[in-house]
C-alpha cells in the first residue's frame, strides 16, 4: 500500500492484500474521516480528516 493512499478508497481486496500496512496506519488514531468514519494516525490517509478530541487516560 502506498503510504499516501487514502484508506477511505480501499476496496475489500485491497484491504485483504494490505492488512499489515493498514494495521500500522490505524493504530493509535489521531484523525477520523468525516465521510466514512475510518480512523488513521495521519490525516493524509483520509478523505475528509478531522482531528479526534484528546482522550483522558483512565
N, C-alpha and C. Protein backbone atom coordinates (compact mmCIF):
# COMPACT_ATOMS: atom_id res chain seq x y z
N UNK A 1 0.85 -1.18 0.00
CA UNK A 1 0.00 0.00 0.00
C UNK A 1 0.89 1.23 0.00
N UNK A 2 0.57 2.15 -0.86
CA UNK A 2 1.26 3.43 -0.90
C UNK A 2 1.00 4.16 0.42
N UNK A 3 2.04 4.66 1.10
CA UNK A 3 1.83 5.33 2.39
C UNK A 3 0.94 6.56 2.32
N UNK A 4 0.78 7.14 1.14
CA UNK A 4 -0.08 8.32 0.98
C UNK A 4 -1.47 7.96 0.49
N UNK A 5 -1.74 6.68 0.32
CA UNK A 5 -3.03 6.22 -0.19
C UNK A 5 -4.13 6.49 0.84
N UNK A 6 -5.28 6.88 0.36
CA UNK A 6 -6.43 7.13 1.23
C UNK A 6 -7.08 5.79 1.59
N UNK A 7 -7.12 5.47 2.87
CA UNK A 7 -7.73 4.20 3.27
C UNK A 7 -9.24 4.22 3.03
N UNK A 8 -9.81 5.39 2.90
CA UNK A 8 -11.24 5.51 2.61
C UNK A 8 -11.59 4.89 1.26
N UNK A 9 -10.64 4.88 0.35
CA UNK A 9 -10.88 4.42 -1.01
C UNK A 9 -10.56 2.94 -1.24
N UNK A 10 -10.03 2.25 -0.24
CA UNK A 10 -9.66 0.85 -0.42
C UNK A 10 -10.89 -0.04 -0.57
N UNK A 11 -10.81 -0.97 -1.51
CA UNK A 11 -11.89 -1.95 -1.63
C UNK A 11 -11.52 -3.19 -0.82
N UNK A 12 -12.42 -4.15 -0.75
CA UNK A 12 -12.24 -5.34 0.08
C UNK A 12 -10.95 -6.09 -0.27
N UNK A 13 -10.66 -6.24 -1.53
CA UNK A 13 -9.45 -6.96 -1.97
C UNK A 13 -8.19 -6.22 -1.52
N UNK A 14 -8.18 -4.90 -1.71
CA UNK A 14 -7.02 -4.11 -1.30
C UNK A 14 -6.80 -4.17 0.21
N UNK A 15 -7.89 -4.20 0.96
CA UNK A 15 -7.78 -4.31 2.42
C UNK A 15 -7.14 -5.64 2.79
N UNK A 16 -7.61 -6.72 2.19
CA UNK A 16 -7.05 -8.04 2.48
C UNK A 16 -5.58 -8.12 2.10
N UNK A 17 -5.20 -7.56 0.97
CA UNK A 17 -3.82 -7.62 0.48
C UNK A 17 -2.85 -6.74 1.28
N UNK A 18 -3.37 -5.73 1.95
CA UNK A 18 -2.52 -4.75 2.64
C UNK A 18 -2.76 -4.69 4.14
N UNK A 19 -3.27 -5.75 4.72
CA UNK A 19 -3.65 -5.73 6.13
C UNK A 19 -2.52 -5.26 7.07
N UNK A 20 -1.28 -5.76 6.96
CA UNK A 20 -0.24 -5.29 7.89
C UNK A 20 0.00 -3.77 7.80
N UNK A 21 0.01 -3.22 6.60
CA UNK A 21 0.21 -1.78 6.43
C UNK A 21 -0.98 -1.00 6.99
N UNK A 22 -2.17 -1.52 6.80
CA UNK A 22 -3.38 -0.84 7.29
C UNK A 22 -3.39 -0.83 8.81
N UNK A 23 -3.02 -1.95 9.42
CA UNK A 23 -2.96 -2.01 10.89
C UNK A 23 -2.03 -0.93 11.42
N UNK A 24 -0.92 -0.72 10.76
CA UNK A 24 0.02 0.33 11.18
C UNK A 24 -0.61 1.71 11.06
N UNK A 25 -1.33 1.96 9.98
CA UNK A 25 -1.96 3.26 9.73
C UNK A 25 -3.06 3.57 10.74
N UNK A 26 -3.81 2.56 11.15
CA UNK A 26 -4.96 2.80 12.02
C UNK A 26 -4.66 2.66 13.52
N UNK A 27 -3.45 2.17 13.86
CA UNK A 27 -3.13 2.04 15.27
C UNK A 27 -2.89 3.42 15.88
N UNK A 28 -3.37 3.60 17.09
CA UNK A 28 -3.28 4.88 17.80
C UNK A 28 -3.76 6.04 16.93
N UNK A 29 -5.03 6.01 16.52
CA UNK A 29 -5.54 7.04 15.59
C UNK A 29 -5.59 8.43 16.21
N UNK A 30 -5.37 9.42 15.35
CA UNK A 30 -5.47 10.83 15.74
C UNK A 30 -6.53 11.56 14.92
N UNK A 31 -6.95 10.93 13.81
CA UNK A 31 -7.92 11.56 12.90
C UNK A 31 -9.03 10.58 12.55
N UNK A 32 -10.20 11.14 12.24
CA UNK A 32 -11.34 10.36 11.79
C UNK A 32 -11.87 10.98 10.50
N UNK A 33 -12.28 10.14 9.56
CA UNK A 33 -12.86 10.64 8.32
C UNK A 33 -14.30 11.05 8.59
N UNK A 34 -14.64 12.25 8.21
CA UNK A 34 -15.99 12.76 8.42
C UNK A 34 -17.00 12.13 7.46
N UNK A 35 -16.50 11.44 6.44
CA UNK A 35 -17.38 10.82 5.46
C UNK A 35 -17.70 9.37 5.80
N UNK A 36 -16.66 8.58 6.15
CA UNK A 36 -16.89 7.14 6.34
C UNK A 36 -16.53 6.64 7.74
N UNK A 37 -16.04 7.51 8.60
CA UNK A 37 -15.70 7.20 10.00
C UNK A 37 -14.50 6.27 10.16
N UNK A 38 -13.70 6.10 9.12
CA UNK A 38 -12.45 5.36 9.28
C UNK A 38 -11.47 6.24 10.04
N UNK A 39 -10.51 5.62 10.70
CA UNK A 39 -9.55 6.37 11.50
C UNK A 39 -8.12 6.13 11.02
N UNK A 40 -7.24 7.07 11.36
CA UNK A 40 -5.84 6.98 10.95
C UNK A 40 -4.99 7.83 11.89
N UNK A 41 -3.71 7.47 11.99
CA UNK A 41 -2.83 8.31 12.78
C UNK A 41 -2.30 9.49 11.97
N UNK A 42 -2.49 9.47 10.64
CA UNK A 42 -2.07 10.59 9.78
C UNK A 42 -3.27 11.07 8.96
N UNK A 43 -3.46 12.37 8.90
CA UNK A 43 -4.62 12.89 8.18
C UNK A 43 -4.52 12.69 6.67
N UNK A 44 -3.32 12.52 6.14
CA UNK A 44 -3.16 12.33 4.69
C UNK A 44 -3.76 11.02 4.20
N UNK A 45 -4.07 10.09 5.11
CA UNK A 45 -4.64 8.80 4.72
C UNK A 45 -6.16 8.79 4.70
N UNK A 46 -6.79 9.93 4.95
CA UNK A 46 -8.25 10.02 4.97
C UNK A 46 -8.75 11.08 3.99
N UNK A 47 -9.96 10.88 3.48
CA UNK A 47 -10.54 11.84 2.52
C UNK A 47 -10.94 13.16 3.17
N UNK A 48 -11.65 13.07 4.28
CA UNK A 48 -12.13 14.26 4.98
C UNK A 48 -11.73 14.14 6.46
N UNK A 49 -10.43 14.31 6.75
CA UNK A 49 -9.97 14.11 8.12
C UNK A 49 -10.40 15.20 9.09
N UNK A 50 -10.66 14.77 10.31
CA UNK A 50 -10.95 15.69 11.40
C UNK A 50 -10.20 15.16 12.62
N UNK A 51 -9.52 16.05 13.31
CA UNK A 51 -8.73 15.63 14.48
C UNK A 51 -9.66 15.09 15.56
N UNK A 52 -9.30 13.94 16.10
CA UNK A 52 -10.05 13.37 17.21
C UNK A 52 -9.80 14.19 18.46
N UNK A 53 -10.81 14.32 19.32
CA UNK A 53 -10.57 15.03 20.57
C UNK A 53 -9.59 14.27 21.45
N UNK A 54 -8.89 14.97 22.28
CA UNK A 54 -7.95 14.32 23.20
C UNK A 54 -8.71 13.41 24.14
N UNK A 55 -8.10 12.26 24.40
CA UNK A 55 -8.71 11.30 25.31
C UNK A 55 -8.02 11.39 26.66
N UNK A 56 -8.82 11.38 27.71
CA UNK A 56 -8.24 11.35 29.04
C UNK A 56 -7.82 9.93 29.37
N UNK A 57 -6.75 9.79 30.13
CA UNK A 57 -6.27 8.46 30.50
C UNK A 57 -7.03 7.99 31.72
N UNK A 58 -7.50 6.76 31.65
CA UNK A 58 -8.28 6.18 32.77
C UNK A 58 -7.38 5.70 33.88
